[in-house]
Amino acid sequence: MRAVVQRVSRAQVEVKGRIVGEIGTGLVALVGVIAGDGLADADALAQKLVDLRVFADEDGKMNRSVIDVAGAILVVSQFTLYGDLRRGRRPSFTEAASPEHAQPLIDAVADATRSRGVRVETGEFGAYMQLSITNDGPVTLIIEIENGRVS
């Protein structure tokens, strides 16, 4: 499981002109799933998202988590994170999990994050989405989870 995580001051996701998820201060997690991923990976990613200390404390140091700043997390499925660009000019997505495998795991990331006390919004799995993200910093991180652990 792979996630590109951005610290944001605001973000929203639209489907067909309708806002389906919106947050203020918090994190946007663009999440990709591969065939070998499972519930332990979803839980490990949720824990990492909740624990990330990327928000400034009173001294301006990244020392606070999304919980500490009463923020939220917008979780959006993004199979293109597993695009293979090694050959040709068009990415191959053969590593990305099938929708039947990926959707329950994206939902599990959102549910596991909620269960840890964070407000979570989501995109709409499989839909064409438009994201508006105001990256704060900018702060952008990549998280790789393998076998239930950050790798």
C-alpha atoms as a PDB file:
ATOM      1  CA  MET A   1       0.000   0.000   0.000  1.00  0.00           C
ATOM      2  CA  ARG A   2       1.307   3.410  -0.926  1.00  0.00           C
ATOM      3  CA  ALA A   3       0.119   6.846   0.129  1.00  0.00           C
ATOM      4  CA  VAL A   4       1.079  10.333  -0.895  1.00  0.00           C
ATOM      5  CA  VAL A   5       0.203  12.520   2.082  1.00  0.00           C
ATOM      6  CA  GLN A   6      -0.078  16.288   1.989  1.00  0.00           C
ATOM      7  CA  ARG A   7      -0.532  18.675   4.901  1.00  0.00           C
ATOM      8  CA  VAL A   8      -3.313  21.030   3.864  1.00  0.00           C
ATOM      9  CA  SER A   9      -5.107  24.129   5.035  1.00  0.00           C
ATOM     10  CA  ARG A  10      -8.126  23.016   3.015  1.00  0.00           C
ATOM     11  CA  ALA A  11      -9.104  20.350   0.486  1.00  0.00           C
ATOM     12  CA  GLN A  12     -12.178  19.100  -1.279  1.00  0.00           C
ATOM     13  CA  VAL A  13     -13.079  16.422  -3.762  1.00  0.00           C
ATOM     14  CA  GLU A  14     -15.856  16.750  -6.331  1.00  0.00           C
ATOM     15  CA  VAL A  15     -17.654  14.179  -8.459  1.00  0.00           C
ATOM     16  CA  LYS A  16     -19.809  15.495 -11.322  1.00  0.00           C
ATOM     17  CA  GLY A  17     -19.814  18.991  -9.805  1.00  0.00           C
ATOM     18  CA  ARG A  18     -20.938  17.745  -6.368  1.00  0.00           C
ATOM     19  CA  ILE A  19     -18.643  18.040  -3.338  1.00  0.00           C
ATOM     20  CA  VAL A  20     -18.365  14.558  -1.820  1.00  0.00           C
ATOM     21  CA  GLY A  21     -15.626  15.293   0.731  1.00  0.00           C
ATOM     22  CA  GLU A  22     -14.208  18.464   2.233  1.00  0.00           C
ATOM     23  CA  ILE A  23     -11.818  19.323   5.066  1.00  0.00           C
ATOM     24  CA  GLY A  24     -10.057  22.339   6.526  1.00  0.00           C
ATOM     25  CA  THR A  25      -6.757  21.891   8.351  1.00  0.00           C
ATOM     26  CA  GLY A  26      -5.526  18.336   8.062  1.00  0.00           C
ATOM     27  CA  LEU A  27      -4.081  15.754   5.718  1.00  0.00           C
ATOM     28  CA  VAL A  28      -4.966  14.516   2.264  1.00  0.00           C
ATOM     29  CA  ALA A  29      -4.025  10.873   1.774  1.00  0.00           C
ATOM     30  CA  LEU A  30      -3.975   9.669  -1.826  1.00  0.00           C
ATOM     31  CA  VAL A  31      -3.927   5.886  -1.393  1.00  0.00           C
ATOM     32  CA  GLY A  32      -2.941   3.159  -3.837  1.00  0.00           C
ATOM     33  CA  VAL A  33      -3.405  -0.566  -3.284  1.00  0.00           C
ATOM     34  CA  ILE A  34      -1.638  -3.581  -4.823  1.00  0.00           C
ATOM     35  CA  ALA A  35      -2.797  -7.194  -4.963  1.00  0.00           C
ATOM     36  CA  GLY A  36      -0.838  -8.378  -1.908  1.00  0.00           C
ATOM     37  CA  ASP A  37      -2.213  -5.693   0.435  1.00  0.00           C
ATOM     38  CA  GLY A  38      -4.548  -6.629   3.262  1.00  0.00           C
ATOM     39  CA  LEU A  39      -6.325  -5.317   6.343  1.00  0.00           C
ATOM     40  CA  ALA A  40      -3.095  -5.169   8.371  1.00  0.00           C
ATOM     41  CA  ASP A  41      -1.705  -2.751   5.778  1.00  0.00           C
ATOM     42  CA  ALA A  42      -4.824  -0.575   5.947  1.00  0.00           C
ATOM     43  CA  ASP A  43      -4.621  -0.488   9.745  1.00  0.00           C
ATOM     44  CA  ALA A  44      -0.892   0.348   9.704  1.00  0.00           C
ATOM     45  CA  LEU A  45      -1.485   3.208   7.265  1.00  0.00           C
ATOM     46  CA  ALA A  46      -4.315   4.574   9.411  1.00  0.00           C
ATOM     47  CA  GLN A  47      -2.081   4.493  12.491  1.00  0.00           C
ATOM     48  CA  LYS A  48       0.738   6.251  10.641  1.00  0.00           C
ATOM     49  CA  LEU A  49      -1.624   8.969   9.370  1.00  0.00           C
ATOM     50  CA  VAL A  50      -2.959   9.635  12.860  1.00  0.00           C
ATOM     51  CA  ASP A  51       0.519   9.675  14.437  1.00  0.00           C
ATOM     52  CA  LEU A  52       2.357  11.811  11.851  1.00  0.00           C
ATOM     53  CA  ARG A  53       3.762  14.885  13.562  1.00  0.00           C
ATOM     54  CA  VAL A  54       3.753  17.351  10.685  1.00  0.00           C
ATOM     55  CA  PHE A  55       1.900  20.299  12.191  1.00  0.00           C
ATOM     56  CA  ALA A  56       3.740  23.191  13.816  1.00  0.00           C
ATOM     57  CA  ASP A  57       3.951  23.628  17.573  1.00  0.00           C
ATOM     58  CA  GLU A  58       4.339  27.009  19.318  1.00  0.00           C
ATOM     59  CA  ASP A  59       8.022  27.069  18.271  1.00  0.00           C
ATOM     60  CA  GLY A  60       7.221  26.428  14.612  1.00  0.00           C
ATOM     61  CA  LYS A  61       8.589  22.866  14.690  1.00  0.00           C
ATOM     62  CA  MET A  62       6.680  19.955  13.151  1.00  0.00           C
ATOM     63  CA  ASN A  63       5.686  18.400  16.451  1.00  0.00           C
ATOM     64  CA  ARG A  64       1.902  17.991  16.380  1.00  0.00           C
ATOM     65  CA  SER A  65      -0.341  15.337  14.891  1.00  0.00           C
ATOM     66  CA  VAL A  66      -3.673  15.772  13.129  1.00  0.00           C
ATOM     67  CA  ILE A  67      -5.364  14.907  16.439  1.00  0.00           C
ATOM     68  CA  ASP A  68      -3.342  17.560  18.290  1.00  0.00           C
ATOM     69  CA  VAL A  69      -4.554  20.266  15.891  1.00  0.00           C
ATOM     70  CA  ALA A  70      -8.163  18.951  15.747  1.00  0.00           C
ATOM     71  CA  GLY A  71      -7.702  18.377  12.023  1.00  0.00           C
ATOM     72  CA  ALA A  72      -9.292  15.952   9.589  1.00  0.00           C
ATOM     73  CA  ILE A  73      -8.110  13.550   6.903  1.00  0.00           C
ATOM     74  CA  LEU A  74      -9.379  13.287   3.344  1.00  0.00           C
ATOM     75  CA  VAL A  75      -8.769   9.749   2.013  1.00  0.00           C
ATOM     76  CA  VAL A  76      -8.880   9.388  -1.761  1.00  0.00           C
ATOM     77  CA  SER A  77      -8.256   6.197  -3.732  1.00  0.00           C
ATOM     78  CA  GLN A  78      -5.562   6.649  -6.380  1.00  0.00           C
ATOM     79  CA  PHE A  79      -4.579   3.542  -8.338  1.00  0.00           C
ATOM     80  CA  THR A  80      -2.235   5.662 -10.471  1.00  0.00           C
ATOM     81  CA  LEU A  81       0.279   5.643  -7.596  1.00  0.00           C
ATOM     82  CA  TYR A  82       1.241   2.221  -8.929  1.00  0.00           C
ATOM     83  CA  GLY A  83       1.735   3.399 -12.503  1.00  0.00           C
ATOM     84  CA  ASP A  84       4.830   1.801 -14.035  1.00  0.00           C
ATOM     85  CA  LEU A  85       6.732   4.249 -16.235  1.00  0.00           C
ATOM     86  CA  ARG A  86       9.769   2.138 -17.048  1.00  0.00           C
ATOM     87  CA  ARG A  87       8.808   1.467 -20.662  1.00  0.00           C
ATOM     88  CA  GLY A  88       7.170   3.612 -23.287  1.00  0.00           C
ATOM     89  CA  ARG A  89       5.289   6.825 -22.709  1.00  0.00           C
ATOM     90  CA  ARG A  90       2.023   5.465 -21.339  1.00  0.00           C
ATOM     91  CA  PRO A  91       1.962   4.193 -17.749  1.00  0.00           C
ATOM     92  CA  SER A  92       1.081   0.582 -17.075  1.00  0.00           C
ATOM     93  CA  PHE A  93      -1.176  -0.097 -14.104  1.00  0.00           C
ATOM     94  CA  THR A  94      -0.772  -3.869 -13.905  1.00  0.00           C
ATOM     95  CA  GLU A  95       0.584  -3.653 -10.327  1.00  0.00           C
ATOM     96  CA  ALA A  96      -2.511  -1.826  -9.043  1.00  0.00           C
ATOM     97  CA  ALA A  97      -5.077  -4.019  -7.312  1.00  0.00           C
ATOM     98  CA  SER A  98      -8.396  -4.801  -8.940  1.00  0.00           C
ATOM     99  CA  PRO A  99     -11.288  -2.581  -7.836  1.00  0.00           C
ATOM    100  CA  GLU A 100     -12.845  -5.558  -6.011  1.00  0.00           C
ATOM    101  CA  HIS A 101      -9.701  -5.911  -3.909  1.00  0.00           C
ATOM    102  CA  ALA A 102      -8.841  -2.223  -3.523  1.00  0.00           C
ATOM    103  CA  GLN A 103     -12.182  -0.696  -2.527  1.00  0.00           C
ATOM    104  CA  PRO A 104     -12.619  -2.619   0.750  1.00  0.00           C
ATOM    105  CA  LEU A 105      -9.046  -1.699   1.720  1.00  0.00           C
ATOM    106  CA  ILE A 106      -9.536   2.004   0.959  1.00  0.00           C
ATOM    107  CA  ASP A 107     -12.707   1.843   3.074  1.00  0.00           C
ATOM    108  CA  ALA A 108     -10.729   0.056   5.806  1.00  0.00           C
ATOM    109  CA  VAL A 109      -8.132   2.857   5.887  1.00  0.00           C
ATOM    110  CA  ALA A 110     -10.914   5.420   6.345  1.00  0.00           C
ATOM    111  CA  ASP A 111     -12.723   3.332   8.987  1.00  0.00           C
ATOM    112  CA  ALA A 112      -9.528   2.575  10.941  1.00  0.00           C
ATOM    113  CA  THR A 113      -8.625   6.263  10.928  1.00  0.00           C
ATOM    114  CA  ARG A 114     -12.112   7.228  12.161  1.00  0.00           C
ATOM    115  CA  SER A 115     -11.873   4.625  14.918  1.00  0.00           C
ATOM    116  CA  ARG A 116      -8.785   6.477  16.190  1.00  0.00           C
ATOM    117  CA  GLY A 117     -10.788   9.650  16.745  1.00  0.00           C
ATOM    118  CA  VAL A 118     -10.100  11.598  13.549  1.00  0.00           C
ATOM    119  CA  ARG A 119     -12.809  13.063  11.329  1.00  0.00           C
ATOM    120  CA  VAL A 120     -12.437  11.443   7.900  1.00  0.00           C
ATOM    121  CA  GLU A 121     -13.877  12.455   4.561  1.00  0.00           C
ATOM    122  CA  THR A 122     -13.460  10.395   1.408  1.00  0.00           C
ATOM    123  CA  GLY A 123     -13.622  10.571  -2.322  1.00  0.00           C
ATOM    124  CA  GLU A 124     -15.890   8.275  -4.326  1.00  0.00           C
ATOM    125  CA  PHE A 125     -14.171   5.035  -5.274  1.00  0.00           C
ATOM    126  CA  GLY A 126     -13.936   4.471  -9.030  1.00  0.00           C
ATOM    127  CA  ALA A 127     -15.368   7.866  -9.938  1.00  0.00           C
ATOM    128  CA  TYR A 128     -13.688  10.581 -11.955  1.00  0.00           C
ATOM    129  CA  MET A 129     -12.814  13.076  -9.219  1.00  0.00           C
ATOM    130  CA  GLN A 130     -11.526  16.614  -9.115  1.00  0.00           C
ATOM    131  CA  LEU A 131      -9.448  17.520  -6.075  1.00  0.00           C
ATOM    132  CA  SER A 132      -8.781  21.032  -4.866  1.00  0.00           C
ATOM    133  CA  ILE A 133      -5.878  20.978  -2.445  1.00  0.00           C
ATOM    134  CA  THR A 134      -4.222  23.889  -0.688  1.00  0.00           C
ATOM    135  CA  ASN A 135      -0.953  22.285   0.368  1.00  0.00           C
ATOM    136  CA  ASP A 136       0.329  23.912   3.549  1.00  0.00           C
ATOM    137  CA  GLY A 137       4.087  24.372   3.638  1.00  0.00           C
ATOM    138  CA  PRO A 138       4.241  22.650   1.233  1.00  0.00           C
ATOM    139  CA  VAL A 139       4.539  19.383   3.116  1.00  0.00           C
ATOM    140  CA  THR A 140       4.250  16.206   1.044  1.00  0.00           C
ATOM    141  CA  LEU A 141       5.316  12.728   2.198  1.00  0.00           C
ATOM    142  CA  ILE A 142       5.253   9.249   0.707  1.00  0.00           C
ATOM    143  CA  ILE A 143       4.341   6.309   2.935  1.00  0.00           C
ATOM    144  CA  GLU A 144       4.943   2.707   1.876  1.00  0.00           C
ATOM    145  CA  ILE A 145       3.278  -0.074   3.859  1.00  0.00           C
ATOM    146  CA  GLU A 146       4.245  -3.708   3.358  1.00  0.00           C
ATOM    147  CA  ASN A 147       3.093  -6.660   5.456  1.00  0.00           C
ATOM    148  CA  GLY A 148       1.453  -4.390   8.017  1.00  0.00           C
ATOM    149  CA  ARG A 149       4.590  -2.239   8.537  1.00  0.00           C
ATOM    150  CA  VAL A 150       6.035   0.960   7.186  1.00  0.00           C
ATOM    151  CA  SER A 151       8.783  -0.017   4.787  1.00  0.00           C
END
